Amino acid sequence: MNDRSTTAGGLFLMLAILIGAFWGLSVGEPMLGILRGTGIGIVLAVAIWIIDRRRRGTDR
């Protein structure tokens, strides 16, 4: 069993998609908002993953 707890970045992905969708609706381009939100969410989730790996000092 893995006894380490990890930080989840999926929350930022979900929030970014939802915020992007609402922004897109407000400017009349909902799909553009979803795509931008997805891109920003992926960047944030990967950043959280990298920070978590470095903080724990693991290579894998």
PDB file of N, CA and C in Angstrom:
ATOM      1  N   MET A   1       0.826  -1.186   0.000  1.00  0.00           N
ATOM      2  CA  MET A   1       0.000   0.000   0.000  1.00  0.00           C
ATOM      3  C   MET A   1       0.868   1.246   0.000  1.00  0.00           C
ATOM      4  N   ASN A   2       0.346   2.265  -0.589  1.00  0.00           N
ATOM      5  CA  ASN A   2       1.042   3.539  -0.644  1.00  0.00           C
ATOM      6  C   ASN A   2       0.631   4.363   0.565  1.00  0.00           C
ATOM      7  N   ASP A   3       1.581   4.647   1.478  1.00  0.00           N
ATOM      8  CA  ASP A   3       1.247   5.385   2.691  1.00  0.00           C
ATOM      9  C   ASP A   3       1.436   6.887   2.535  1.00  0.00           C
ATOM     10  N   ARG A   4       1.824   7.331   1.348  1.00  0.00           N
ATOM     11  CA  ARG A   4       1.985   8.768   1.104  1.00  0.00           C
ATOM     12  C   ARG A   4       0.676   9.362   0.626  1.00  0.00           C
ATOM     13  N   SER A   5       0.373  10.546   1.113  1.00  0.00           N
ATOM     14  CA  SER A   5      -0.774  11.254   0.547  1.00  0.00           C
ATOM     15  C   SER A   5      -0.243  12.258  -0.468  1.00  0.00           C
ATOM     16  N   THR A   6      -0.976  12.427  -1.532  1.00  0.00           N
ATOM     17  CA  THR A   6      -0.531  13.340  -2.575  1.00  0.00           C
ATOM     18  C   THR A   6      -1.507  14.496  -2.693  1.00  0.00           C
ATOM     19  N   THR A   7      -1.019  15.590  -3.195  1.00  0.00           N
ATOM     20  CA  THR A   7      -1.855  16.755  -3.421  1.00  0.00           C
ATOM     21  C   THR A   7      -2.586  16.584  -4.743  1.00  0.00           C
ATOM     22  N   ALA A   8      -3.867  16.860  -4.748  1.00  0.00           N
ATOM     23  CA  ALA A   8      -4.674  16.671  -5.957  1.00  0.00           C
ATOM     24  C   ALA A   8      -4.742  17.958  -6.757  1.00  0.00           C
ATOM     25  N   GLY A   9      -4.446  17.865  -8.049  1.00  0.00           N
ATOM     26  CA  GLY A   9      -4.538  19.018  -8.926  1.00  0.00           C
ATOM     27  C   GLY A   9      -5.800  19.002  -9.770  1.00  0.00           C
ATOM     28  N   GLY A  10      -6.590  17.931  -9.682  1.00  0.00           N
ATOM     29  CA  GLY A  10      -7.806  17.823 -10.459  1.00  0.00           C
ATOM     30  C   GLY A  10      -8.835  18.886 -10.121  1.00  0.00           C
ATOM     31  N   LEU A  11      -8.815  19.351  -8.890  1.00  0.00           N
ATOM     32  CA  LEU A  11      -9.727  20.414  -8.481  1.00  0.00           C
ATOM     33  C   LEU A  11      -9.511  21.657  -9.327  1.00  0.00           C
ATOM     34  N   PHE A  12      -8.256  22.008  -9.555  1.00  0.00           N
ATOM     35  CA  PHE A  12      -7.950  23.192 -10.350  1.00  0.00           C
ATOM     36  C   PHE A  12      -8.369  23.009 -11.809  1.00  0.00           C
ATOM     37  N   LEU A  13      -8.254  21.790 -12.305  1.00  0.00           N
ATOM     38  CA  LEU A  13      -8.699  21.504 -13.669  1.00  0.00           C
ATOM     39  C   LEU A  13     -10.207  21.720 -13.787  1.00  0.00           C
ATOM     40  N   MET A  14     -10.969  21.164 -12.844  1.00  0.00           N
ATOM     41  CA  MET A  14     -12.419  21.307 -12.875  1.00  0.00           C
ATOM     42  C   MET A  14     -12.840  22.770 -12.719  1.00  0.00           C
ATOM     43  N   LEU A  15     -12.253  23.464 -11.756  1.00  0.00           N
ATOM     44  CA  LEU A  15     -12.610  24.868 -11.543  1.00  0.00           C
ATOM     45  C   LEU A  15     -12.283  25.730 -12.754  1.00  0.00           C
ATOM     46  N   ALA A  16     -11.136  25.497 -13.357  1.00  0.00           N
ATOM     47  CA  ALA A  16     -10.743  26.291 -14.514  1.00  0.00           C
ATOM     48  C   ALA A  16     -11.702  26.064 -15.686  1.00  0.00           C
ATOM     49  N   ILE A  17     -12.145  24.824 -15.892  1.00  0.00           N
ATOM     50  CA  ILE A  17     -13.092  24.543 -16.968  1.00  0.00           C
ATOM     51  C   ILE A  17     -14.421  25.245 -16.700  1.00  0.00           C
ATOM     52  N   LEU A  18     -14.907  25.159 -15.469  1.00  0.00           N
ATOM     53  CA  LEU A  18     -16.180  25.805 -15.139  1.00  0.00           C
ATOM     54  C   LEU A  18     -16.094  27.326 -15.251  1.00  0.00           C
ATOM     55  N   ILE A  19     -15.026  27.904 -14.727  1.00  0.00           N
ATOM     56  CA  ILE A  19     -14.852  29.360 -14.815  1.00  0.00           C
ATOM     57  C   ILE A  19     -14.729  29.774 -16.279  1.00  0.00           C
ATOM     58  N   GLY A  20     -13.981  28.995 -17.058  1.00  0.00           N
ATOM     59  CA  GLY A  20     -13.844  29.289 -18.482  1.00  0.00           C
ATOM     60  C   GLY A  20     -15.172  29.214 -19.212  1.00  0.00           C
ATOM     61  N   ALA A  21     -16.003  28.249 -18.846  1.00  0.00           N
ATOM     62  CA  ALA A  21     -17.317  28.119 -19.485  1.00  0.00           C
ATOM     63  C   ALA A  21     -18.194  29.324 -19.161  1.00  0.00           C
ATOM     64  N   PHE A  22     -18.205  29.739 -17.911  1.00  0.00           N
ATOM     65  CA  PHE A  22     -19.010  30.909 -17.538  1.00  0.00           C
ATOM     66  C   PHE A  22     -18.474  32.179 -18.192  1.00  0.00           C
ATOM     67  N   TRP A  23     -17.156  32.297 -18.266  1.00  0.00           N
ATOM     68  CA  TRP A  23     -16.570  33.459 -18.958  1.00  0.00           C
ATOM     69  C   TRP A  23     -16.965  33.422 -20.433  1.00  0.00           C
ATOM     70  N   GLY A  24     -16.868  32.252 -21.026  1.00  0.00           N
ATOM     71  CA  GLY A  24     -17.222  32.116 -22.434  1.00  0.00           C
ATOM     72  C   GLY A  24     -18.684  32.456 -22.697  1.00  0.00           C
ATOM     73  N   LEU A  25     -19.556  32.037 -21.803  1.00  0.00           N
ATOM     74  CA  LEU A  25     -20.972  32.390 -21.954  1.00  0.00           C
ATOM     75  C   LEU A  25     -21.183  33.896 -21.872  1.00  0.00           C
ATOM     76  N   SER A  26     -20.428  34.545 -20.994  1.00  0.00           N
ATOM     77  CA  SER A  26     -20.614  35.993 -20.815  1.00  0.00           C
ATOM     78  C   SER A  26     -20.143  36.789 -22.037  1.00  0.00           C
ATOM     79  N   VAL A  27     -19.193  36.250 -22.790  1.00  0.00           N
ATOM     80  CA  VAL A  27     -18.708  36.964 -23.979  1.00  0.00           C
ATOM     81  C   VAL A  27     -19.271  36.378 -25.274  1.00  0.00           C
ATOM     82  N   GLY A  28     -20.140  35.370 -25.143  1.00  0.00           N
ATOM     83  CA  GLY A  28     -20.780  34.798 -26.325  1.00  0.00           C
ATOM     84  C   GLY A  28     -19.987  33.715 -27.032  1.00  0.00           C
ATOM     85  N   GLU A  29     -18.952  33.196 -26.421  1.00  0.00           N
ATOM     86  CA  GLU A  29     -18.124  32.121 -26.999  1.00  0.00           C
ATOM     87  C   GLU A  29     -17.892  31.019 -25.964  1.00  0.00           C
ATOM     88  N   PRO A  30     -18.918  30.218 -25.645  1.00  0.00           N
ATOM     89  CA  PRO A  30     -18.753  29.229 -24.579  1.00  0.00           C
ATOM     90  C   PRO A  30     -17.684  28.166 -24.874  1.00  0.00           C
ATOM     91  N   MET A  31     -17.567  27.729 -26.115  1.00  0.00           N
ATOM     92  CA  MET A  31     -16.566  26.701 -26.428  1.00  0.00           C
ATOM     93  C   MET A  31     -15.156  27.240 -26.272  1.00  0.00           C
ATOM     94  N   LEU A  32     -14.943  28.476 -26.656  1.00  0.00           N
ATOM     95  CA  LEU A  32     -13.629  29.092 -26.473  1.00  0.00           C
ATOM     96  C   LEU A  32     -13.288  29.172 -24.985  1.00  0.00           C
ATOM     97  N   GLY A  33     -14.265  29.520 -24.166  1.00  0.00           N
ATOM     98  CA  GLY A  33     -14.047  29.576 -22.721  1.00  0.00           C
ATOM     99  C   GLY A  33     -13.697  28.222 -22.140  1.00  0.00           C
ATOM    100  N   ILE A  34     -14.395  27.181 -22.607  1.00  0.00           N
ATOM    101  CA  ILE A  34     -14.103  25.830 -22.120  1.00  0.00           C
ATOM    102  C   ILE A  34     -12.697  25.409 -22.526  1.00  0.00           C
ATOM    103  N   LEU A  35     -12.314  25.699 -23.755  1.00  0.00           N
ATOM    104  CA  LEU A  35     -10.973  25.321 -24.214  1.00  0.00           C
ATOM    105  C   LEU A  35      -9.888  26.072 -23.454  1.00  0.00           C
ATOM    106  N   ARG A  36     -10.087  27.365 -23.261  1.00  0.00           N
ATOM    107  CA  ARG A  36      -9.104  28.141 -22.492  1.00  0.00           C
ATOM    108  C   ARG A  36      -9.041  27.662 -21.047  1.00  0.00           C
ATOM    109  N   GLY A  37     -10.204  27.402 -20.463  1.00  0.00           N
ATOM    110  CA  GLY A  37     -10.241  26.896 -19.093  1.00  0.00           C
ATOM    111  C   GLY A  37      -9.544  25.555 -18.958  1.00  0.00           C
ATOM    112  N   THR A  38      -9.742  24.692 -19.952  1.00  0.00           N
ATOM    113  CA  THR A  38      -9.075  23.388 -19.934  1.00  0.00           C
ATOM    114  C   THR A  38      -7.562  23.545 -20.001  1.00  0.00           C
ATOM    115  N   GLY A  39      -7.098  24.421 -20.867  1.00  0.00           N
ATOM    116  CA  GLY A  39      -5.656  24.657 -20.980  1.00  0.00           C
ATOM    117  C   GLY A  39      -5.062  25.199 -19.693  1.00  0.00           C
ATOM    118  N   ILE A  40      -5.734  26.166 -19.106  1.00  0.00           N
ATOM    119  CA  ILE A  40      -5.242  26.741 -17.847  1.00  0.00           C
ATOM    120  C   ILE A  40      -5.292  25.696 -16.736  1.00  0.00           C
ATOM    121  N   GLY A  41      -6.359  24.902 -16.703  1.00  0.00           N
ATOM    122  CA  GLY A  41      -6.478  23.855 -15.688  1.00  0.00           C
ATOM    123  C   GLY A  41      -5.396  22.792 -15.806  1.00  0.00           C
ATOM    124  N   ILE A  42      -5.055  22.426 -17.032  1.00  0.00           N
ATOM    125  CA  ILE A  42      -3.985  21.443 -17.236  1.00  0.00           C
ATOM    126  C   ILE A  42      -2.661  21.994 -16.735  1.00  0.00           C
ATOM    127  N   VAL A  43      -2.389  23.250 -17.052  1.00  0.00           N
ATOM    128  CA  VAL A  43      -1.139  23.872 -16.584  1.00  0.00           C
ATOM    129  C   VAL A  43      -1.096  23.877 -15.062  1.00  0.00           C
ATOM    130  N   LEU A  44      -2.196  24.256 -14.411  1.00  0.00           N
ATOM    131  CA  LEU A  44      -2.229  24.291 -12.949  1.00  0.00           C
ATOM    132  C   LEU A  44      -2.077  22.897 -12.345  1.00  0.00           C
ATOM    133  N   ALA A  45      -2.764  21.897 -12.914  1.00  0.00           N
ATOM    134  CA  ALA A  45      -2.679  20.531 -12.391  1.00  0.00           C
ATOM    135  C   ALA A  45      -1.264  19.975 -12.531  1.00  0.00           C
ATOM    136  N   VAL A  46      -0.625  20.223 -13.658  1.00  0.00           N
ATOM    137  CA  VAL A  46       0.754  19.753 -13.846  1.00  0.00           C
ATOM    138  C   VAL A  46       1.701  20.479 -12.897  1.00  0.00           C
ATOM    139  N   ALA A  47       1.479  21.775 -12.691  1.00  0.00           N
ATOM    140  CA  ALA A  47       2.319  22.533 -11.753  1.00  0.00           C
ATOM    141  C   ALA A  47       2.188  21.975 -10.340  1.00  0.00           C
ATOM    142  N   ILE A  48       0.967  21.656  -9.917  1.00  0.00           N
ATOM    143  CA  ILE A  48       0.752  21.061  -8.594  1.00  0.00           C
ATOM    144  C   ILE A  48       1.464  19.724  -8.496  1.00  0.00           C
ATOM    145  N   TRP A  49       1.393  18.934  -9.554  1.00  0.00           N
ATOM    146  CA  TRP A  49       2.039  17.621  -9.564  1.00  0.00           C
ATOM    147  C   TRP A  49       3.560  17.761  -9.446  1.00  0.00           C
ATOM    148  N   ILE A  50       4.135  18.698 -10.192  1.00  0.00           N
ATOM    149  CA  ILE A  50       5.592  18.910 -10.141  1.00  0.00           C
ATOM    150  C   ILE A  50       6.011  19.417  -8.767  1.00  0.00           C
ATOM    151  N   ILE A  51       5.273  20.364  -8.221  1.00  0.00           N
ATOM    152  CA  ILE A  51       5.594  20.892  -6.893  1.00  0.00           C
ATOM    153  C   ILE A  51       5.513  19.793  -5.850  1.00  0.00           C
ATOM    154  N   ASP A  52       4.486  18.941  -5.938  1.00  0.00           N
ATOM    155  CA  ASP A  52       4.329  17.845  -4.988  1.00  0.00           C
ATOM    156  C   ASP A  52       5.481  16.851  -5.083  1.00  0.00           C
ATOM    157  N   ARG A  53       5.905  16.550  -6.309  1.00  0.00           N
ATOM    158  CA  ARG A  53       7.042  15.629  -6.480  1.00  0.00           C
ATOM    159  C   ARG A  53       8.311  16.197  -5.887  1.00  0.00           C
ATOM    160  N   ARG A  54       8.560  17.473  -6.132  1.00  0.00           N
ATOM    161  CA  ARG A  54       9.779  18.093  -5.604  1.00  0.00           C
ATOM    162  C   ARG A  54       9.737  18.177  -4.086  1.00  0.00           C
ATOM    163  N   ARG A  55       8.567  18.475  -3.554  1.00  0.00           N
ATOM    164  CA  ARG A  55       8.428  18.602  -2.092  1.00  0.00           C
ATOM    165  C   ARG A  55       8.691  17.272  -1.422  1.00  0.00           C
ATOM    166  N   ARG A  56       8.270  16.191  -2.064  1.00  0.00           N
ATOM    167  CA  ARG A  56       8.471  14.867  -1.487  1.00  0.00           C
ATOM    168  C   ARG A  56       9.824  14.266  -1.822  1.00  0.00           C
ATOM    169  N   GLY A  57      10.502  14.846  -2.791  1.00  0.00           N
ATOM    170  CA  GLY A  57      11.827  14.371  -3.151  1.00  0.00           C
ATOM    171  C   GLY A  57      11.837  13.035  -3.868  1.00  0.00           C
ATOM    172  N   THR A  58      10.824  12.779  -4.669  1.00  0.00           N
ATOM    173  CA  THR A  58      10.768  11.509  -5.395  1.00  0.00           C
ATOM    174  C   THR A  58      11.084  11.750  -6.861  1.00  0.00           C
ATOM    175  N   ASP A  59      11.601  10.729  -7.486  1.00  0.00           N
ATOM    176  CA  ASP A  59      11.938  10.814  -8.891  1.00  0.00           C
ATOM    177  C   ASP A  59      10.826  10.222  -9.763  1.00  0.00           C
ATOM    178  N   ARG A  60       9.950   9.426  -9.212  1.00  0.00           N
ATOM    179  CA  ARG A  60       8.920   8.749 -10.009  1.00  0.00           C
ATOM    180  C   ARG A  60       7.595   9.371  -9.837  1.00  0.00           C
TER     181      ARG A  60
END
